[in-house]
C-alpha cells in the first residue's frame, strides 16, 4: 500500500493535531502543503479533492476523507495504534467522544475567533477590530480556557478524558497553542491547564515542537499583548 497523502497547512490547528498523530504512530504519509493564505484551497485541482475547500484532508489509497475528527477516528481504527488514543472500552471511548463533540464550539470556535479578531482582522484590513466585538471574543476564549482548567481537568486528571493521552488532547492543545499569535498565555493562572499542556508536549516530543515550529516563529513576529 502507498503512504497516505496528507493535505495540510501547518498554520491550521487540526492539521497540526493530525500530523503529530501520524508521526507518533509511524503511519507512512506524504505531505502536500495547501497554502491557505495564498488561496490554494480554491484551486480547481484541490476542489476536486475536497469541494469544501478546507484542510485537513487525507487520501488513503483512493479513500478521501475530510474533517479532522473523522480523520483521527479513522486512523485509529484503520492502523495499528495504541489503544489509549481512542480506546476500545465503550465508556473510555465515550469520554473521548464527549470532548470531541464539545470541541467544535467549546474550544475551536472561541479560540479561533479571538485569534482572528485580535490578529488577522487588523493584519488583513489595516483596521482594528471593533472594541465591543474584541471584548466579547476575548471573554468567550477565556471562558473556554477556564472550562478546560476547571471542568475537563478537574479531580487531578492528567489528560482531558482520562489518565492517558488521546486524540482529544491533540485537538485541544493545538487550539490553545494558536493563542500565542495574540500574545495571550492561557497557562497563566490555570495550573491544571498549564501542567496538561506541558504533559502533552512532553508525551509527543520531538514531534510536538517540530510541528509547532512555524507557529512559534510567527508568534514572535505578530503577537501583541492581549490587554483589553
N, C-alpha and C. Protein backbone atom coordinates (compact mmCIF):
# COMPACT_ATOMS: atom_id res chain seq x y z
N UNK A 1 0.84 -1.20 0.00
CA UNK A 1 0.00 0.00 0.00
C UNK A 1 0.87 1.24 0.00
N UNK A 2 0.40 2.25 -0.68
CA UNK A 2 1.11 3.51 -0.75
C UNK A 2 0.88 4.30 0.53
N UNK A 3 1.80 5.22 0.84
CA UNK A 3 1.59 6.08 2.01
C UNK A 3 0.35 6.94 1.86
N UNK A 4 -0.23 7.32 2.98
CA UNK A 4 -1.32 8.28 2.98
C UNK A 4 -0.83 9.60 2.40
N UNK A 5 -1.67 10.25 1.61
CA UNK A 5 -1.39 11.61 1.18
C UNK A 5 -2.11 12.55 2.15
N UNK A 6 -1.36 13.41 2.77
CA UNK A 6 -1.88 14.31 3.80
C UNK A 6 -1.83 15.74 3.29
N UNK A 7 -3.00 16.30 3.02
CA UNK A 7 -3.11 17.69 2.57
C UNK A 7 -3.25 18.57 3.81
N UNK A 8 -2.38 19.56 3.93
CA UNK A 8 -2.32 20.29 5.19
C UNK A 8 -1.82 21.72 4.97
N UNK A 9 -2.00 22.52 6.01
CA UNK A 9 -1.30 23.79 6.17
C UNK A 9 -0.87 23.83 7.63
N UNK A 10 0.40 24.10 7.89
CA UNK A 10 0.88 23.99 9.26
C UNK A 10 0.42 25.13 10.16
N UNK A 11 -0.32 26.09 9.63
CA UNK A 11 -0.95 27.09 10.50
C UNK A 11 -2.38 26.69 10.86
N UNK A 12 -2.81 25.54 10.39
CA UNK A 12 -4.13 25.01 10.75
C UNK A 12 -3.99 24.16 12.00
N UNK A 13 -4.78 24.49 13.03
CA UNK A 13 -4.69 23.76 14.29
C UNK A 13 -4.99 22.27 14.11
N UNK A 14 -6.11 21.89 13.48
CA UNK A 14 -6.38 20.45 13.32
C UNK A 14 -5.36 19.74 12.45
N UNK A 15 -4.77 20.45 11.49
CA UNK A 15 -3.71 19.83 10.69
C UNK A 15 -2.52 19.47 11.57
N UNK A 16 -2.19 20.36 12.49
CA UNK A 16 -1.07 20.07 13.39
C UNK A 16 -1.39 18.88 14.29
N UNK A 17 -2.62 18.78 14.75
CA UNK A 17 -3.01 17.64 15.59
C UNK A 17 -2.85 16.33 14.82
N UNK A 18 -3.29 16.31 13.57
CA UNK A 18 -3.19 15.09 12.77
C UNK A 18 -1.74 14.75 12.46
N UNK A 19 -0.93 15.76 12.16
CA UNK A 19 0.47 15.48 11.85
C UNK A 19 1.19 14.90 13.06
N UNK A 20 0.93 15.44 14.25
CA UNK A 20 1.53 14.87 15.46
C UNK A 20 1.12 13.41 15.60
N UNK A 21 -0.15 13.13 15.36
CA UNK A 21 -0.66 11.76 15.49
C UNK A 21 0.03 10.84 14.48
N UNK A 22 0.14 11.26 13.23
CA UNK A 22 0.79 10.44 12.21
C UNK A 22 2.23 10.14 12.58
N UNK A 23 2.93 11.15 13.07
CA UNK A 23 4.33 10.96 13.44
C UNK A 23 4.48 10.08 14.68
N UNK A 24 3.61 10.28 15.66
CA UNK A 24 3.69 9.49 16.88
C UNK A 24 3.46 8.00 16.61
N UNK A 25 2.67 7.70 15.61
CA UNK A 25 2.29 6.32 15.34
C UNK A 25 2.97 5.73 14.12
N UNK A 26 3.97 6.44 13.61
CA UNK A 26 4.77 5.94 12.48
C UNK A 26 3.90 5.50 11.31
N UNK A 27 2.87 6.28 11.04
CA UNK A 27 1.99 5.98 9.91
C UNK A 27 2.60 6.63 8.67
N UNK A 28 2.97 5.84 7.66
CA UNK A 28 3.60 6.40 6.45
C UNK A 28 2.67 7.40 5.76
N UNK A 29 3.23 8.55 5.43
CA UNK A 29 2.41 9.57 4.77
C UNK A 29 3.31 10.53 3.99
N UNK A 30 2.75 11.03 2.92
CA UNK A 30 3.38 12.07 2.12
C UNK A 30 2.59 13.35 2.32
N UNK A 31 3.29 14.43 2.60
CA UNK A 31 2.63 15.71 2.88
C UNK A 31 2.52 16.55 1.61
N UNK A 32 1.36 17.14 1.43
CA UNK A 32 1.15 18.10 0.34
C UNK A 32 0.59 19.38 0.96
N UNK A 33 1.41 20.41 0.96
CA UNK A 33 1.02 21.65 1.61
C UNK A 33 0.06 22.44 0.74
N UNK A 34 -1.04 22.86 1.35
CA UNK A 34 -2.03 23.72 0.71
C UNK A 34 -1.93 25.08 1.39
N UNK A 35 -1.38 26.05 0.71
CA UNK A 35 -1.14 27.36 1.32
C UNK A 35 -2.44 28.17 1.36
N UNK A 36 -3.08 28.11 2.51
CA UNK A 36 -4.39 28.75 2.65
C UNK A 36 -4.31 30.25 2.44
N UNK A 37 -3.25 30.88 2.93
CA UNK A 37 -3.11 32.33 2.82
C UNK A 37 -3.02 32.78 1.37
N UNK A 38 -2.59 31.88 0.48
CA UNK A 38 -2.48 32.21 -0.94
C UNK A 38 -3.67 31.68 -1.76
N UNK A 39 -4.65 31.12 -1.05
CA UNK A 39 -5.86 30.67 -1.73
C UNK A 39 -5.74 29.35 -2.46
N UNK A 40 -4.75 28.54 -2.10
CA UNK A 40 -4.55 27.27 -2.80
C UNK A 40 -5.74 26.32 -2.63
N UNK A 41 -6.52 26.52 -1.59
CA UNK A 41 -7.68 25.65 -1.35
C UNK A 41 -8.79 25.87 -2.37
N UNK A 42 -8.70 26.97 -3.12
CA UNK A 42 -9.71 27.29 -4.13
C UNK A 42 -9.30 26.84 -5.53
N UNK A 43 -8.15 26.25 -5.66
CA UNK A 43 -7.71 25.79 -6.98
C UNK A 43 -8.61 24.67 -7.49
N UNK A 44 -8.73 24.58 -8.80
CA UNK A 44 -9.57 23.53 -9.39
C UNK A 44 -9.10 22.14 -8.96
N UNK A 45 -7.79 21.98 -8.89
CA UNK A 45 -7.22 20.68 -8.52
C UNK A 45 -7.63 20.28 -7.11
N UNK A 46 -7.54 21.23 -6.17
CA UNK A 46 -7.87 20.87 -4.79
C UNK A 46 -9.37 20.74 -4.58
N UNK A 47 -10.16 21.55 -5.25
CA UNK A 47 -11.62 21.46 -5.10
C UNK A 47 -12.13 20.09 -5.54
N UNK A 48 -11.45 19.46 -6.48
CA UNK A 48 -11.82 18.11 -6.88
C UNK A 48 -11.58 17.12 -5.74
N UNK A 49 -10.58 17.41 -4.93
CA UNK A 49 -10.26 16.54 -3.79
C UNK A 49 -11.19 16.83 -2.63
N UNK A 50 -11.40 18.11 -2.33
CA UNK A 50 -12.30 18.49 -1.24
C UNK A 50 -13.15 19.68 -1.67
N UNK A 51 -14.37 19.43 -2.09
CA UNK A 51 -15.24 20.53 -2.53
C UNK A 51 -15.58 21.52 -1.43
N UNK A 52 -15.28 21.18 -0.15
CA UNK A 52 -15.50 22.12 0.94
C UNK A 52 -14.37 23.15 1.04
N UNK A 53 -13.29 22.91 0.27
CA UNK A 53 -12.17 23.87 0.15
C UNK A 53 -11.48 24.12 1.49
N UNK A 54 -11.27 23.03 2.23
CA UNK A 54 -10.63 23.16 3.55
C UNK A 54 -9.61 22.05 3.75
N UNK A 55 -8.69 22.28 4.66
CA UNK A 55 -7.80 21.23 5.14
C UNK A 55 -8.08 21.03 6.62
N UNK A 56 -7.77 19.85 7.15
CA UNK A 56 -7.01 18.75 6.58
C UNK A 56 -7.85 17.83 5.70
N UNK A 57 -7.12 17.09 4.85
CA UNK A 57 -7.71 16.03 4.03
C UNK A 57 -6.67 14.91 3.98
N UNK A 58 -7.14 13.67 3.98
CA UNK A 58 -6.24 12.55 3.71
C UNK A 58 -6.77 11.76 2.53
N UNK A 59 -5.85 11.18 1.79
CA UNK A 59 -6.16 10.25 0.70
C UNK A 59 -5.43 8.96 1.03
N UNK A 60 -6.18 7.98 1.50
CA UNK A 60 -5.60 6.69 1.87
C UNK A 60 -5.87 5.69 0.77
N UNK A 61 -4.96 5.69 -0.22
CA UNK A 61 -5.07 4.77 -1.36
C UNK A 61 -6.43 4.88 -2.05
N UNK A 62 -6.83 6.12 -2.30
CA UNK A 62 -8.07 6.38 -3.03
C UNK A 62 -9.26 6.67 -2.14
N UNK A 63 -9.13 6.42 -0.84
CA UNK A 63 -10.20 6.77 0.10
C UNK A 63 -9.92 8.16 0.63
N UNK A 64 -10.72 9.12 0.19
CA UNK A 64 -10.50 10.52 0.57
C UNK A 64 -11.43 10.88 1.73
N UNK A 65 -10.84 11.47 2.76
CA UNK A 65 -11.61 11.80 3.95
C UNK A 65 -11.28 13.21 4.41
N UNK A 66 -12.33 13.97 4.72
CA UNK A 66 -12.16 15.33 5.24
C UNK A 66 -12.65 15.37 6.69
N UNK A 67 -12.42 16.50 7.35
CA UNK A 67 -12.82 16.75 8.73
C UNK A 67 -11.88 16.04 9.72
N UNK A 68 -11.27 16.83 10.58
CA UNK A 68 -10.21 16.35 11.45
C UNK A 68 -10.65 15.23 12.40
N UNK A 69 -11.82 15.37 13.00
CA UNK A 69 -12.28 14.35 13.95
C UNK A 69 -12.51 13.03 13.23
N UNK A 70 -13.15 13.08 12.07
CA UNK A 70 -13.38 11.86 11.28
C UNK A 70 -12.05 11.23 10.87
N UNK A 71 -11.09 12.06 10.49
CA UNK A 71 -9.78 11.55 10.07
C UNK A 71 -9.09 10.83 11.23
N UNK A 72 -9.07 11.45 12.39
CA UNK A 72 -8.39 10.83 13.54
C UNK A 72 -9.08 9.54 13.97
N UNK A 73 -10.39 9.54 13.97
CA UNK A 73 -11.10 8.30 14.33
C UNK A 73 -10.78 7.19 13.32
N UNK A 74 -10.77 7.54 12.06
CA UNK A 74 -10.47 6.56 11.01
C UNK A 74 -9.06 6.01 11.18
N UNK A 75 -8.10 6.87 11.40
CA UNK A 75 -6.72 6.42 11.54
C UNK A 75 -6.57 5.48 12.73
N UNK A 76 -7.28 5.78 13.81
CA UNK A 76 -7.21 4.92 14.99
C UNK A 76 -7.75 3.53 14.70
N UNK A 77 -8.78 3.45 13.89
CA UNK A 77 -9.40 2.16 13.58
C UNK A 77 -8.62 1.41 12.49
N UNK A 78 -8.12 2.15 11.53
CA UNK A 78 -7.52 1.54 10.34
C UNK A 78 -6.08 1.08 10.56
N UNK A 79 -5.40 1.75 11.46
CA UNK A 79 -3.98 1.46 11.66
C UNK A 79 -3.74 0.91 13.06
N UNK A 80 -2.62 0.24 13.21
CA UNK A 80 -2.31 -0.44 14.47
C UNK A 80 -1.71 0.55 15.46
N UNK A 81 -2.59 1.32 16.10
CA UNK A 81 -2.13 2.32 17.06
C UNK A 81 -2.49 1.85 18.47
N UNK A 82 -1.80 2.40 19.44
CA UNK A 82 -2.06 2.02 20.83
C UNK A 82 -3.47 2.43 21.25
N UNK A 83 -4.05 1.61 22.09
CA UNK A 83 -5.46 1.75 22.44
C UNK A 83 -5.79 3.07 23.12
N UNK A 84 -4.83 3.68 23.81
CA UNK A 84 -5.14 4.89 24.58
C UNK A 84 -5.56 6.05 23.69
N UNK A 85 -5.17 6.04 22.41
CA UNK A 85 -5.53 7.15 21.54
C UNK A 85 -7.04 7.25 21.34
N UNK A 86 -7.69 6.10 21.20
CA UNK A 86 -9.15 6.05 21.01
C UNK A 86 -9.62 4.70 21.53
N UNK A 87 -9.85 4.59 22.83
CA UNK A 87 -9.99 3.28 23.48
C UNK A 87 -11.12 2.42 22.93
N UNK A 88 -10.91 1.11 22.98
CA UNK A 88 -11.96 0.16 22.61
C UNK A 88 -13.02 0.05 23.69
N UNK A 89 -12.63 0.27 24.92
CA UNK A 89 -13.60 0.24 26.02
C UNK A 89 -14.68 1.28 25.77
N UNK A 90 -15.94 0.86 25.83
CA UNK A 90 -17.05 1.74 25.44
C UNK A 90 -17.12 3.01 26.29
N UNK A 91 -16.89 2.88 27.58
CA UNK A 91 -17.00 4.04 28.45
C UNK A 91 -15.83 5.01 28.25
N UNK A 92 -14.64 4.46 28.09
CA UNK A 92 -13.48 5.31 27.86
C UNK A 92 -13.58 6.01 26.50
N UNK A 93 -14.07 5.27 25.50
CA UNK A 93 -14.25 5.88 24.18
C UNK A 93 -15.32 6.96 24.23
N UNK A 94 -16.37 6.72 24.98
CA UNK A 94 -17.43 7.72 25.09
C UNK A 94 -16.91 9.01 25.69
N UNK A 95 -15.97 8.93 26.63
CA UNK A 95 -15.38 10.14 27.22
C UNK A 95 -14.59 10.92 26.17
N UNK A 96 -13.85 10.19 25.33
CA UNK A 96 -13.13 10.87 24.25
C UNK A 96 -14.13 11.51 23.29
N UNK A 97 -15.15 10.78 22.92
CA UNK A 97 -16.17 11.32 22.02
C UNK A 97 -16.88 12.52 22.63
N UNK A 98 -17.06 12.49 23.94
CA UNK A 98 -17.72 13.60 24.62
C UNK A 98 -16.94 14.90 24.40
N UNK A 99 -15.61 14.82 24.56
CA UNK A 99 -14.81 16.02 24.31
C UNK A 99 -14.84 16.40 22.82
N UNK A 100 -14.73 15.41 21.95
CA UNK A 100 -14.70 15.70 20.51
C UNK A 100 -15.98 16.41 20.06
N UNK A 101 -17.11 16.06 20.65
CA UNK A 101 -18.37 16.72 20.31
C UNK A 101 -18.40 18.15 20.87
N UNK A 102 -17.78 18.35 22.02
CA UNK A 102 -17.74 19.67 22.65
C UNK A 102 -16.73 20.59 21.99
N UNK A 103 -15.67 20.00 21.44
CA UNK A 103 -14.52 20.72 20.92
C UNK A 103 -14.87 21.82 19.92
N UNK A 104 -15.79 21.54 19.01
CA UNK A 104 -16.05 22.47 17.91
C UNK A 104 -16.52 23.84 18.42
N UNK A 105 -17.47 23.83 19.34
CA UNK A 105 -17.96 25.11 19.85
C UNK A 105 -17.34 25.47 21.20
N UNK A 106 -16.75 24.46 21.87
CA UNK A 106 -16.20 24.70 23.20
C UNK A 106 -14.78 25.21 23.20
N UNK A 107 -13.97 24.75 22.25
CA UNK A 107 -12.57 25.17 22.19
C UNK A 107 -12.24 25.85 20.87
N UNK A 108 -12.55 25.16 19.78
CA UNK A 108 -12.12 25.66 18.48
C UNK A 108 -12.72 27.02 18.13
N UNK A 109 -14.03 27.13 18.22
CA UNK A 109 -14.69 28.39 17.82
C UNK A 109 -14.21 29.59 18.64
N UNK A 110 -14.23 29.53 19.97
CA UNK A 110 -13.83 30.72 20.72
C UNK A 110 -12.35 31.07 20.57
N UNK A 111 -11.48 30.08 20.51
CA UNK A 111 -10.05 30.39 20.38
C UNK A 111 -9.74 30.93 18.99
N UNK A 112 -10.27 30.29 17.97
CA UNK A 112 -10.01 30.74 16.60
C UNK A 112 -10.60 32.12 16.35
N UNK A 113 -11.78 32.38 16.90
CA UNK A 113 -12.40 33.69 16.70
C UNK A 113 -11.57 34.79 17.34
N UNK A 114 -11.06 34.54 18.54
CA UNK A 114 -10.26 35.57 19.19
C UNK A 114 -8.97 35.84 18.41
N UNK A 115 -8.32 34.78 17.93
CA UNK A 115 -7.11 34.97 17.13
C UNK A 115 -7.43 35.79 15.88
N UNK A 116 -8.55 35.47 15.25
CA UNK A 116 -8.95 36.21 14.05
C UNK A 116 -9.20 37.67 14.37
N UNK A 117 -9.97 37.93 15.42
CA UNK A 117 -10.30 39.32 15.77
C UNK A 117 -9.08 40.11 16.22
N UNK A 118 -8.21 39.46 16.97
CA UNK A 118 -7.06 40.16 17.57
C UNK A 118 -5.92 40.37 16.57
N UNK A 119 -5.69 39.37 15.70
CA UNK A 119 -4.50 39.40 14.84
C UNK A 119 -4.84 39.58 13.37
N UNK A 120 -5.68 38.70 12.84
CA UNK A 120 -5.83 38.65 11.39
C UNK A 120 -6.72 39.75 10.81
N UNK A 121 -7.75 40.16 11.54
CA UNK A 121 -8.57 41.26 11.02
C UNK A 121 -7.73 42.53 10.86
N UNK A 122 -6.98 42.97 11.87
CA UNK A 122 -6.13 44.16 11.66
C UNK A 122 -5.05 43.94 10.60
N UNK A 123 -4.50 42.72 10.55
CA UNK A 123 -3.43 42.43 9.60
C UNK A 123 -3.92 42.50 8.16
N UNK A 124 -5.12 41.98 7.92
CA UNK A 124 -5.63 41.90 6.55
C UNK A 124 -6.35 43.16 6.11
N UNK A 125 -6.93 43.89 7.05
CA UNK A 125 -7.72 45.07 6.68
C UNK A 125 -7.04 46.38 7.01
N UNK A 126 -6.06 46.33 7.91
CA UNK A 126 -5.43 47.57 8.35
C UNK A 126 -6.26 48.35 9.35
N UNK A 127 -7.38 47.75 9.76
CA UNK A 127 -8.29 48.40 10.70
C UNK A 127 -8.49 47.47 11.89
N UNK A 128 -8.39 48.01 13.08
CA UNK A 128 -8.59 47.20 14.28
C UNK A 128 -10.01 46.70 14.41
N UNK A 129 -10.17 45.57 15.07
CA UNK A 129 -11.49 45.01 15.31
C UNK A 129 -12.27 45.92 16.26
N UNK A 130 -13.57 46.04 16.01
CA UNK A 130 -14.45 46.78 16.90
C UNK A 130 -14.22 46.34 18.35
N UNK A 131 -14.07 47.33 19.25
CA UNK A 131 -13.69 47.04 20.62
C UNK A 131 -14.71 46.14 21.32
N UNK A 132 -15.98 46.37 21.07
CA UNK A 132 -17.00 45.55 21.71
C UNK A 132 -16.90 44.10 21.23
N UNK A 133 -16.71 43.92 19.93
CA UNK A 133 -16.56 42.57 19.39
C UNK A 133 -15.33 41.89 19.96
N UNK A 134 -14.22 42.64 20.05
CA UNK A 134 -12.98 42.07 20.57
C UNK A 134 -13.14 41.66 22.03
N UNK A 135 -13.81 42.49 22.81
CA UNK A 135 -14.06 42.14 24.21
C UNK A 135 -14.91 40.89 24.33
N UNK A 136 -15.91 40.77 23.48
CA UNK A 136 -16.78 39.59 23.51
C UNK A 136 -16.01 38.32 23.14
N UNK A 137 -15.19 38.39 22.10
CA UNK A 137 -14.44 37.21 21.70
C UNK A 137 -13.37 36.86 22.73
N UNK A 138 -12.79 37.87 23.36
CA UNK A 138 -11.82 37.62 24.43
C UNK A 138 -12.47 36.88 25.59
N UNK A 139 -13.68 37.32 25.98
CA UNK A 139 -14.38 36.67 27.09
C UNK A 139 -14.72 35.21 26.75
N UNK A 140 -15.17 34.96 25.51
CA UNK A 140 -15.50 33.60 25.11
C UNK A 140 -14.26 32.71 25.15
N UNK A 141 -13.13 33.26 24.70
CA UNK A 141 -11.90 32.50 24.71
C UNK A 141 -11.48 32.18 26.15
N UNK A 142 -11.56 33.18 27.03
CA UNK A 142 -11.20 32.95 28.44
C UNK A 142 -12.13 31.92 29.08
N UNK A 143 -13.41 31.99 28.77
CA UNK A 143 -14.35 31.00 29.31
C UNK A 143 -13.98 29.59 28.86
N UNK A 144 -13.55 29.46 27.61
CA UNK A 144 -13.13 28.16 27.09
C UNK A 144 -11.93 27.62 27.85
N UNK A 145 -10.94 28.47 28.06
CA UNK A 145 -9.74 28.06 28.81
C UNK A 145 -10.11 27.67 30.25
N UNK A 146 -11.03 28.43 30.84
CA UNK A 146 -11.46 28.11 32.20
C UNK A 146 -12.18 26.77 32.27
N UNK A 147 -12.97 26.47 31.26
CA UNK A 147 -13.67 25.18 31.22
C UNK A 147 -12.68 24.02 31.17
N UNK A 148 -11.63 24.18 30.39
CA UNK A 148 -10.63 23.12 30.32
C UNK A 148 -9.94 22.95 31.67
N UNK A 149 -9.56 24.06 32.28
CA UNK A 149 -8.85 24.00 33.57
C UNK A 149 -9.74 23.49 34.70
N UNK A 150 -10.98 23.98 34.74
CA UNK A 150 -11.84 23.72 35.90
C UNK A 150 -12.76 22.52 35.75
N UNK A 151 -13.07 22.13 34.52
CA UNK A 151 -14.03 21.05 34.30
C UNK A 151 -13.36 19.82 33.68
N UNK A 152 -12.76 20.00 32.51
CA UNK A 152 -12.18 18.84 31.83
C UNK A 152 -11.00 18.25 32.61
N UNK A 153 -10.27 19.09 33.31
CA UNK A 153 -9.09 18.61 34.04
C UNK A 153 -9.30 18.55 35.55
N UNK A 154 -10.55 18.55 35.99
CA UNK A 154 -10.84 18.52 37.42
C UNK A 154 -10.45 17.16 38.01
N UNK A 155 -10.38 17.13 39.32
CA UNK A 155 -10.08 15.90 40.08
C UNK A 155 -8.71 15.33 39.74
N UNK A 156 -7.79 16.20 39.34
CA UNK A 156 -6.41 15.75 39.12
C UNK A 156 -6.18 14.92 37.88
N UNK A 157 -7.12 14.98 36.90
CA UNK A 157 -6.93 14.22 35.68
C UNK A 157 -5.66 14.68 34.96
N UNK A 158 -4.92 13.73 34.42
CA UNK A 158 -3.68 14.06 33.72
C UNK A 158 -3.95 14.54 32.30
N UNK A 159 -5.01 14.01 31.70
CA UNK A 159 -5.37 14.38 30.34
C UNK A 159 -6.87 14.68 30.29
N UNK A 160 -7.35 15.14 29.15
CA UNK A 160 -8.71 15.68 29.09
C UNK A 160 -9.79 14.67 29.42
N UNK A 161 -9.58 13.42 29.04
CA UNK A 161 -10.68 12.46 29.21
C UNK A 161 -10.33 11.29 30.12
N UNK A 162 -9.07 11.18 30.53
CA UNK A 162 -8.67 10.08 31.41
C UNK A 162 -7.26 10.35 31.92
N UNK A 163 -6.58 9.30 32.29
CA UNK A 163 -5.21 9.43 32.76
C UNK A 163 -4.19 9.05 31.69
N UNK A 164 -4.69 8.89 30.45
CA UNK A 164 -3.82 8.58 29.32
C UNK A 164 -4.13 9.55 28.18
N UNK A 165 -3.13 9.85 27.38
CA UNK A 165 -3.30 10.77 26.27
C UNK A 165 -4.20 10.16 25.20
N UNK A 166 -5.00 10.99 24.56
CA UNK A 166 -5.89 10.53 23.50
C UNK A 166 -5.92 11.57 22.38
N UNK A 167 -6.65 11.26 21.32
CA UNK A 167 -6.78 12.22 20.22
C UNK A 167 -7.46 13.50 20.68
N UNK A 168 -8.25 13.43 21.75
CA UNK A 168 -8.88 14.63 22.29
C UNK A 168 -7.83 15.65 22.72
N UNK A 169 -6.78 15.18 23.34
CA UNK A 169 -5.73 16.07 23.83
C UNK A 169 -5.01 16.77 22.68
N UNK A 170 -4.78 16.05 21.59
CA UNK A 170 -4.10 16.66 20.45
C UNK A 170 -4.94 17.78 19.84
N UNK A 171 -6.22 17.55 19.70
CA UNK A 171 -7.09 18.58 19.14
C UNK A 171 -7.22 19.76 20.09
N UNK A 172 -7.31 19.49 21.37
CA UNK A 172 -7.45 20.58 22.33
C UNK A 172 -6.22 21.44 22.44
N UNK A 173 -5.06 20.82 22.56
CA UNK A 173 -3.84 21.57 22.81
C UNK A 173 -3.43 22.41 21.60
N UNK A 174 -3.68 21.93 20.40
CA UNK A 174 -3.29 22.71 19.23
C UNK A 174 -4.13 23.98 19.09
N UNK A 175 -5.37 23.94 19.56
CA UNK A 175 -6.18 25.16 19.55
C UNK A 175 -5.61 26.20 20.52
N UNK A 176 -5.20 25.76 21.70
CA UNK A 176 -4.67 26.70 22.68
C UNK A 176 -3.31 27.24 22.27
N UNK A 177 -2.52 26.44 21.59
CA UNK A 177 -1.22 26.92 21.11
C UNK A 177 -1.39 28.10 20.15
N UNK A 178 -2.48 28.11 19.41
CA UNK A 178 -2.71 29.18 18.43
C UNK A 178 -2.79 30.56 19.10
N UNK A 179 -3.15 30.57 20.36
CA UNK A 179 -3.28 31.84 21.09
C UNK A 179 -1.95 32.57 21.23
N UNK A 180 -0.85 31.88 20.99
CA UNK A 180 0.46 32.54 21.01
C UNK A 180 0.50 33.74 20.07
N UNK A 181 -0.23 33.64 18.97
CA UNK A 181 -0.22 34.73 17.99
C UNK A 181 -0.75 36.03 18.57
N UNK A 182 -1.56 35.94 19.60
CA UNK A 182 -2.16 37.14 20.19
C UNK A 182 -1.35 37.69 21.36
N UNK A 183 -0.37 36.93 21.81
CA UNK A 183 0.37 37.33 23.00
C UNK A 183 -0.28 36.89 24.29
N UNK A 184 -1.42 36.21 24.20
CA UNK A 184 -2.14 35.75 25.39
C UNK A 184 -1.62 34.36 25.77
N UNK A 185 -1.35 34.16 27.05
CA UNK A 185 -0.88 32.87 27.54
C UNK A 185 -1.98 32.21 28.37
N UNK A 186 -2.62 31.17 27.82
CA UNK A 186 -3.72 30.51 28.54
C UNK A 186 -3.27 29.80 29.81
N UNK A 187 -1.98 29.57 29.94
CA UNK A 187 -1.46 28.84 31.11
C UNK A 187 -1.42 29.69 32.37
N UNK A 188 -1.34 31.01 32.21
CA UNK A 188 -1.25 31.89 33.36
C UNK A 188 -2.52 31.83 34.22
N UNK A 189 -2.34 31.53 35.50
CA UNK A 189 -3.47 31.47 36.41
C UNK A 189 -4.29 30.20 36.30
N UNK A 190 -3.83 29.25 35.49
CA UNK A 190 -4.57 27.99 35.30
C UNK A 190 -3.59 26.83 35.46
N UNK A 191 -3.31 26.43 36.68
CA UNK A 191 -2.27 25.42 36.92
C UNK A 191 -2.57 24.06 36.30
N UNK A 192 -3.82 23.65 36.31
CA UNK A 192 -4.16 22.34 35.73
C UNK A 192 -3.96 22.36 34.23
N UNK A 193 -4.40 23.44 33.59
CA UNK A 193 -4.24 23.58 32.15
C UNK A 193 -2.76 23.67 31.78
N UNK A 194 -1.99 24.44 32.54
CA UNK A 194 -0.56 24.60 32.26
C UNK A 194 0.16 23.25 32.35
N UNK A 195 -0.14 22.49 33.40
CA UNK A 195 0.51 21.19 33.57
C UNK A 195 0.10 20.22 32.47
N UNK A 196 -1.16 20.29 32.07
CA UNK A 196 -1.66 19.42 30.99
C UNK A 196 -0.97 19.73 29.66
N UNK A 197 -0.87 21.01 29.31
CA UNK A 197 -0.22 21.37 28.04
C UNK A 197 1.22 20.89 28.01
N UNK A 198 1.92 21.06 29.11
CA UNK A 198 3.30 20.59 29.17
C UNK A 198 3.37 19.07 29.12
N UNK A 199 2.40 18.42 29.72
CA UNK A 199 2.35 16.95 29.73
C UNK A 199 2.15 16.42 28.30
N UNK A 200 1.25 17.05 27.55
CA UNK A 200 1.01 16.63 26.17
C UNK A 200 2.27 16.87 25.33
N UNK A 201 2.88 18.02 25.52
CA UNK A 201 4.11 18.34 24.79
C UNK A 201 5.19 17.30 25.07
N UNK A 202 5.40 16.99 26.33
CA UNK A 202 6.42 16.01 26.69
C UNK A 202 6.11 14.62 26.15
N UNK A 203 4.83 14.27 26.13
CA UNK A 203 4.44 12.94 25.67
C UNK A 203 4.59 12.78 24.16
N UNK A 204 4.62 13.89 23.44
CA UNK A 204 4.64 13.80 21.97
C UNK A 204 5.88 14.41 21.33
N UNK A 205 6.80 14.90 22.15
CA UNK A 205 8.04 15.44 21.59
C UNK A 205 8.95 14.31 21.10
N UNK A 206 9.81 14.57 20.09
CA UNK A 206 10.13 15.88 19.48
C UNK A 206 9.13 16.36 18.43
N UNK A 207 8.12 15.54 18.15
CA UNK A 207 7.19 15.89 17.07
C UNK A 207 6.40 17.16 17.39
N UNK A 208 6.04 17.32 18.65
CA UNK A 208 5.23 18.48 19.05
C UNK A 208 5.93 19.79 18.69
N UNK A 209 7.18 19.90 19.09
CA UNK A 209 7.91 21.15 18.82
C UNK A 209 8.15 21.34 17.33
N UNK A 210 8.44 20.26 16.63
CA UNK A 210 8.67 20.36 15.19
C UNK A 210 7.43 20.84 14.46
N UNK A 211 6.29 20.27 14.80
CA UNK A 211 5.04 20.63 14.12
C UNK A 211 4.63 22.07 14.43
N UNK A 212 4.99 22.55 15.61
CA UNK A 212 4.62 23.92 16.00
C UNK A 212 5.71 24.95 15.67
N UNK A 213 6.75 24.55 14.98
CA UNK A 213 7.87 25.46 14.76
C UNK A 213 7.48 26.70 13.96
N UNK A 214 6.68 26.54 12.92
CA UNK A 214 6.29 27.71 12.13
C UNK A 214 5.40 28.64 12.94
N UNK A 215 4.46 28.08 13.69
CA UNK A 215 3.60 28.90 14.55
C UNK A 215 4.44 29.67 15.56
N UNK A 216 5.40 28.99 16.16
CA UNK A 216 6.24 29.65 17.16
C UNK A 216 7.03 30.80 16.54
N UNK A 217 7.53 30.61 15.34
CA UNK A 217 8.28 31.67 14.67
C UNK A 217 7.38 32.86 14.33
N UNK A 218 6.19 32.57 13.85
CA UNK A 218 5.26 33.64 13.50
C UNK A 218 4.77 34.39 14.74
N UNK A 219 4.63 33.68 15.85
CA UNK A 219 4.14 34.33 17.06
C UNK A 219 5.10 35.41 17.53
N UNK A 220 6.40 35.19 17.30
CA UNK A 220 7.38 36.21 17.67
C UNK A 220 7.21 37.47 16.82
N UNK A 221 6.69 37.29 15.62
CA UNK A 221 6.56 38.41 14.69
C UNK A 221 5.25 39.16 14.88
N UNK A 222 4.16 38.42 15.11
CA UNK A 222 2.84 39.03 15.10
C UNK A 222 2.19 39.23 16.46
N UNK A 223 2.69 38.56 17.49
CA UNK A 223 1.99 38.61 18.77
C UNK A 223 2.02 40.01 19.36
N UNK A 224 0.94 40.34 20.03
CA UNK A 224 0.84 41.59 20.79
C UNK A 224 0.28 41.24 22.15
N UNK A 225 0.50 42.08 23.12
CA UNK A 225 -0.05 41.80 24.44
C UNK A 225 -1.56 41.98 24.43
N UNK A 226 -2.24 40.95 24.88
CA UNK A 226 -3.70 40.98 24.86
C UNK A 226 -4.22 41.75 26.07
N UNK A 227 -4.14 43.04 25.99
CA UNK A 227 -4.63 43.89 27.08
C UNK A 227 -5.88 44.60 26.60
N UNK A 228 -6.95 44.35 27.27
CA UNK A 228 -8.23 44.92 26.85
C UNK A 228 -8.71 45.93 27.87
